[in-house]
N, C-alpha and C. Protein backbone atom coordinates (compact mmCIF):
# COMPACT_ATOMS: atom_id res chain seq x y z
N LEU A 1 0.83 -1.19 0.00
CA LEU A 1 0.00 0.00 0.00
C LEU A 1 0.87 1.25 0.00
N LEU A 2 1.97 1.20 0.74
CA LEU A 2 2.87 2.34 0.79
C LEU A 2 3.56 2.56 -0.56
N ILE A 3 3.86 1.46 -1.24
CA ILE A 3 4.48 1.56 -2.55
C ILE A 3 3.51 2.19 -3.55
N VAL A 4 2.25 1.78 -3.50
CA VAL A 4 1.24 2.35 -4.39
C VAL A 4 1.06 3.84 -4.10
N ALA A 5 1.07 4.22 -2.82
CA ALA A 5 0.94 5.64 -2.45
C ALA A 5 2.13 6.44 -2.97
N ALA A 6 3.32 5.88 -2.89
CA ALA A 6 4.51 6.58 -3.38
C ALA A 6 4.45 6.73 -4.91
N ILE A 7 4.03 5.68 -5.60
CA ILE A 7 3.90 5.75 -7.06
C ILE A 7 2.85 6.78 -7.43
N LEU A 8 1.71 6.76 -6.75
CA LEU A 8 0.63 7.70 -7.04
C LEU A 8 1.06 9.14 -6.79
N SER A 9 1.77 9.37 -5.70
CA SER A 9 2.24 10.72 -5.39
C SER A 9 3.24 11.21 -6.43
N GLY A 10 4.18 10.35 -6.80
CA GLY A 10 5.17 10.74 -7.80
C GLY A 10 4.55 11.03 -9.15
N MET A 11 3.65 10.17 -9.59
CA MET A 11 2.98 10.39 -10.87
C MET A 11 2.10 11.64 -10.81
N HIS A 12 1.47 11.87 -9.68
CA HIS A 12 0.61 13.05 -9.52
C HIS A 12 1.45 14.32 -9.61
N MET A 13 2.62 14.31 -8.98
CA MET A 13 3.49 15.50 -9.01
C MET A 13 4.04 15.76 -10.41
N ILE A 14 4.21 14.71 -11.20
CA ILE A 14 4.77 14.87 -12.54
C ILE A 14 3.67 15.17 -13.57
N LEU A 15 2.58 14.40 -13.55
CA LEU A 15 1.59 14.48 -14.61
C LEU A 15 0.60 15.63 -14.47
N VAL A 16 0.23 16.02 -13.26
CA VAL A 16 -0.78 17.07 -13.10
C VAL A 16 -0.31 18.41 -13.65
N PRO A 17 0.91 18.88 -13.34
CA PRO A 17 1.31 20.16 -13.95
C PRO A 17 1.38 20.11 -15.47
N ILE A 18 1.81 18.99 -16.02
CA ILE A 18 1.86 18.85 -17.48
C ILE A 18 0.45 18.87 -18.06
N ALA A 19 -0.47 18.14 -17.42
CA ALA A 19 -1.85 18.11 -17.91
C ALA A 19 -2.51 19.48 -17.78
N LYS A 20 -2.22 20.20 -16.69
CA LYS A 20 -2.79 21.53 -16.52
C LYS A 20 -2.29 22.48 -17.61
N LEU A 21 -1.04 22.37 -17.97
CA LEU A 21 -0.48 23.22 -19.01
C LEU A 21 -1.08 22.91 -20.37
N ILE A 22 -1.18 21.64 -20.69
CA ILE A 22 -1.71 21.23 -21.99
C ILE A 22 -3.21 21.53 -22.10
N LEU A 23 -3.95 21.29 -21.02
CA LEU A 23 -5.41 21.43 -21.05
C LEU A 23 -5.90 22.74 -20.45
N MET A 24 -5.06 23.76 -20.45
CA MET A 24 -5.40 25.05 -19.85
C MET A 24 -6.70 25.66 -20.39
N PRO A 25 -7.00 25.58 -21.69
CA PRO A 25 -8.27 26.15 -22.15
C PRO A 25 -9.49 25.49 -21.51
N PHE A 26 -9.43 24.18 -21.29
CA PHE A 26 -10.56 23.49 -20.66
C PHE A 26 -10.71 23.91 -19.20
N TYR A 27 -9.60 24.12 -18.52
CA TYR A 27 -9.65 24.61 -17.15
C TYR A 27 -10.32 25.98 -17.09
N GLY A 28 -9.99 26.83 -18.05
CA GLY A 28 -10.59 28.17 -18.08
C GLY A 28 -12.08 28.13 -18.39
N LEU A 29 -12.47 27.29 -19.34
CA LEU A 29 -13.88 27.20 -19.72
C LEU A 29 -14.76 26.61 -18.62
N THR A 30 -14.20 25.71 -17.82
CA THR A 30 -15.00 25.06 -16.77
C THR A 30 -14.70 25.61 -15.39
N PHE A 31 -13.97 26.72 -15.32
CA PHE A 31 -13.60 27.35 -14.05
C PHE A 31 -12.88 26.38 -13.11
N GLY A 32 -12.04 25.53 -13.66
CA GLY A 32 -11.22 24.63 -12.86
C GLY A 32 -11.85 23.28 -12.57
N LEU A 33 -13.12 23.08 -12.93
CA LEU A 33 -13.76 21.80 -12.66
C LEU A 33 -13.21 20.67 -13.52
N PHE A 34 -12.55 21.02 -14.60
CA PHE A 34 -11.93 19.99 -15.44
C PHE A 34 -10.82 19.27 -14.69
N GLY A 35 -10.34 19.88 -13.60
CA GLY A 35 -9.32 19.23 -12.77
C GLY A 35 -9.80 17.91 -12.19
N ILE A 36 -11.10 17.77 -11.95
CA ILE A 36 -11.65 16.51 -11.46
C ILE A 36 -11.45 15.43 -12.51
N VAL A 37 -11.67 15.77 -13.77
CA VAL A 37 -11.48 14.81 -14.85
C VAL A 37 -10.02 14.41 -14.96
N VAL A 38 -9.12 15.39 -14.87
CA VAL A 38 -7.68 15.10 -14.96
C VAL A 38 -7.24 14.24 -13.79
N ASN A 39 -7.64 14.60 -12.57
CA ASN A 39 -7.26 13.80 -11.40
C ASN A 39 -7.83 12.39 -11.49
N SER A 40 -9.06 12.25 -11.97
CA SER A 40 -9.67 10.93 -12.12
C SER A 40 -8.90 10.08 -13.14
N ALA A 41 -8.55 10.69 -14.26
CA ALA A 41 -7.81 9.95 -15.29
C ALA A 41 -6.43 9.53 -14.79
N ILE A 42 -5.76 10.42 -14.08
CA ILE A 42 -4.43 10.08 -13.56
C ILE A 42 -4.53 8.99 -12.50
N LEU A 43 -5.51 9.09 -11.62
CA LEU A 43 -5.70 8.06 -10.59
C LEU A 43 -5.98 6.71 -11.22
N TYR A 44 -6.89 6.68 -12.18
CA TYR A 44 -7.21 5.41 -12.84
C TYR A 44 -6.01 4.86 -13.59
N GLY A 45 -5.30 5.73 -14.30
CA GLY A 45 -4.13 5.28 -15.05
C GLY A 45 -3.03 4.72 -14.18
N VAL A 46 -2.76 5.40 -13.06
CA VAL A 46 -1.71 4.93 -12.16
C VAL A 46 -2.10 3.60 -11.53
N VAL A 47 -3.32 3.49 -11.06
CA VAL A 47 -3.74 2.25 -10.41
C VAL A 47 -3.81 1.12 -11.43
N HIS A 48 -4.28 1.41 -12.62
CA HIS A 48 -4.46 0.36 -13.62
C HIS A 48 -3.15 -0.08 -14.27
N PHE A 49 -2.26 0.86 -14.56
CA PHE A 49 -1.04 0.53 -15.30
C PHE A 49 0.22 0.44 -14.44
N ALA A 50 0.41 1.38 -13.54
CA ALA A 50 1.66 1.44 -12.78
C ALA A 50 1.64 0.55 -11.54
N ALA A 51 0.48 0.25 -11.02
CA ALA A 51 0.38 -0.59 -9.81
C ALA A 51 -0.59 -1.73 -10.07
N PRO A 52 -0.17 -2.74 -10.84
CA PRO A 52 -1.10 -3.80 -11.24
C PRO A 52 -1.63 -4.63 -10.07
N GLY A 53 -0.96 -4.61 -8.93
CA GLY A 53 -1.44 -5.37 -7.78
C GLY A 53 -2.58 -4.67 -7.04
N ALA A 54 -2.73 -3.39 -7.25
CA ALA A 54 -3.79 -2.63 -6.59
C ALA A 54 -5.11 -2.83 -7.33
N VAL A 55 -6.20 -2.79 -6.58
CA VAL A 55 -7.51 -3.00 -7.17
C VAL A 55 -8.36 -1.76 -6.91
N LEU A 56 -8.99 -1.29 -7.95
CA LEU A 56 -9.91 -0.16 -7.86
C LEU A 56 -11.20 -0.62 -8.51
N GLY A 57 -12.27 -0.69 -7.71
CA GLY A 57 -13.52 -1.20 -8.24
C GLY A 57 -14.71 -0.47 -7.66
N ALA A 58 -15.89 -1.02 -7.93
CA ALA A 58 -17.12 -0.42 -7.43
C ALA A 58 -17.12 -0.45 -5.90
N TRP A 59 -17.79 0.52 -5.32
CA TRP A 59 -17.83 0.65 -3.87
C TRP A 59 -19.25 0.35 -3.41
N SER A 60 -19.39 -0.57 -2.47
CA SER A 60 -20.70 -0.92 -1.93
C SER A 60 -20.89 -0.27 -0.58
N PHE A 61 -21.96 0.51 -0.47
CA PHE A 61 -22.31 1.16 0.80
C PHE A 61 -23.41 0.33 1.44
N GLN A 62 -23.19 -0.14 2.66
CA GLN A 62 -24.12 -1.04 3.32
C GLN A 62 -25.36 -0.33 3.88
N GLY A 63 -25.32 0.98 3.91
CA GLY A 63 -26.45 1.73 4.45
C GLY A 63 -26.27 1.98 5.93
N VAL A 64 -26.99 2.96 6.44
CA VAL A 64 -26.92 3.29 7.86
C VAL A 64 -28.28 3.83 8.28
N SER A 65 -28.63 3.54 9.51
CA SER A 65 -29.90 4.01 10.02
C SER A 65 -29.69 4.57 11.43
N THR A 66 -30.10 5.82 11.63
CA THR A 66 -30.06 6.46 12.93
C THR A 66 -31.47 6.95 13.24
N PRO A 67 -31.71 7.42 14.44
CA PRO A 67 -33.05 7.94 14.73
C PRO A 67 -33.44 9.12 13.84
N TYR A 68 -32.47 9.83 13.28
CA TYR A 68 -32.76 11.03 12.51
C TYR A 68 -32.65 10.84 11.01
N VAL A 69 -31.76 9.95 10.57
CA VAL A 69 -31.47 9.79 9.14
C VAL A 69 -31.36 8.32 8.81
N THR A 70 -31.91 7.95 7.66
CA THR A 70 -31.75 6.60 7.14
C THR A 70 -31.20 6.69 5.73
N LEU A 71 -30.03 6.11 5.52
CA LEU A 71 -29.42 6.07 4.20
C LEU A 71 -29.49 4.63 3.69
N PRO A 72 -30.16 4.41 2.56
CA PRO A 72 -30.32 3.05 2.06
C PRO A 72 -29.02 2.50 1.50
N PRO A 73 -28.91 1.19 1.44
CA PRO A 73 -27.72 0.59 0.80
C PRO A 73 -27.67 0.96 -0.67
N SER A 74 -26.48 1.17 -1.16
CA SER A 74 -26.31 1.50 -2.58
C SER A 74 -24.93 1.06 -3.03
N GLU A 75 -24.76 1.06 -4.33
CA GLU A 75 -23.46 0.70 -4.90
C GLU A 75 -23.05 1.79 -5.88
N ILE A 76 -21.83 2.26 -5.73
CA ILE A 76 -21.29 3.29 -6.61
C ILE A 76 -20.42 2.57 -7.64
N PRO A 77 -20.68 2.77 -8.93
CA PRO A 77 -19.88 2.07 -9.95
C PRO A 77 -18.44 2.56 -9.99
N LEU A 78 -17.64 1.91 -10.81
CA LEU A 78 -16.21 2.22 -10.91
C LEU A 78 -15.97 3.69 -11.22
N LEU A 79 -16.69 4.26 -12.18
CA LEU A 79 -16.48 5.65 -12.54
C LEU A 79 -16.76 6.57 -11.36
N GLY A 80 -17.83 6.32 -10.64
CA GLY A 80 -18.15 7.13 -9.46
C GLY A 80 -17.10 6.99 -8.37
N THR A 81 -16.58 5.78 -8.20
CA THR A 81 -15.54 5.55 -7.21
C THR A 81 -14.28 6.32 -7.57
N VAL A 82 -13.91 6.30 -8.84
CA VAL A 82 -12.70 7.01 -9.28
C VAL A 82 -12.88 8.52 -9.10
N VAL A 83 -14.06 9.05 -9.45
CA VAL A 83 -14.30 10.48 -9.32
C VAL A 83 -14.29 10.89 -7.84
N LEU A 84 -14.95 10.10 -6.98
CA LEU A 84 -14.94 10.42 -5.55
C LEU A 84 -13.53 10.35 -4.96
N ALA A 85 -12.76 9.35 -5.37
CA ALA A 85 -11.38 9.24 -4.89
C ALA A 85 -10.54 10.42 -5.38
N ALA A 86 -10.77 10.85 -6.61
CA ALA A 86 -10.04 12.01 -7.14
C ALA A 86 -10.42 13.28 -6.39
N LEU A 87 -11.69 13.45 -6.07
CA LEU A 87 -12.12 14.61 -5.28
C LEU A 87 -11.46 14.60 -3.91
N LEU A 88 -11.45 13.45 -3.27
CA LEU A 88 -10.83 13.32 -1.96
C LEU A 88 -9.33 13.58 -2.04
N MET A 89 -8.70 13.04 -3.07
CA MET A 89 -7.27 13.26 -3.26
C MET A 89 -6.97 14.73 -3.49
N GLY A 90 -7.79 15.41 -4.26
CA GLY A 90 -7.60 16.83 -4.51
C GLY A 90 -7.78 17.66 -3.24
N MET A 91 -8.79 17.33 -2.43
CA MET A 91 -9.00 18.07 -1.19
C MET A 91 -7.85 17.88 -0.21
N ILE A 92 -7.35 16.66 -0.12
CA ILE A 92 -6.21 16.39 0.78
C ILE A 92 -4.97 17.12 0.29
N THR A 93 -4.74 17.09 -1.04
CA THR A 93 -3.57 17.78 -1.59
C THR A 93 -3.64 19.28 -1.34
N LYS A 94 -4.81 19.88 -1.56
CA LYS A 94 -4.96 21.33 -1.34
C LYS A 94 -4.79 21.67 0.15
N THR A 95 -5.33 20.83 1.03
CA THR A 95 -5.20 21.09 2.47
C THR A 95 -3.75 20.99 2.91
N LEU A 96 -3.05 19.97 2.44
CA LEU A 96 -1.64 19.83 2.82
C LEU A 96 -0.80 20.97 2.25
N ALA A 97 -1.09 21.39 1.03
CA ALA A 97 -0.36 22.51 0.44
C ALA A 97 -0.61 23.80 1.22
N PHE A 98 -1.84 23.99 1.69
CA PHE A 98 -2.16 25.17 2.50
C PHE A 98 -1.44 25.12 3.84
N LEU A 99 -1.37 23.95 4.45
CA LEU A 99 -0.70 23.82 5.76
C LEU A 99 0.81 23.99 5.66
N VAL A 100 1.39 23.59 4.53
CA VAL A 100 2.84 23.69 4.36
C VAL A 100 3.26 25.15 4.13
N GLU A 101 2.44 25.91 3.43
CA GLU A 101 2.80 27.30 3.12
C GLU A 101 2.66 28.19 4.31
């Protein structure tokens, strides 16, 4: 897991600035939301090609019930899982960059 994280971090540091430079018009047209697509593609590519032992698949939510809220069981397909993971990865990266500066 640590090896996959190191590979993902290294590829993210190398590929994201290059992708941002090449795809700058799309970033401008979508006000930066195209970054989710870039992060998702990089995450999927790294997990699929660079770390063949890692598995990225659909996510099953078992549901939860409290006195106030009931969330039914559901399954998020592979694309949704990749997009959610990319969003989470982006939020963590931005938070760490803010804390370091």
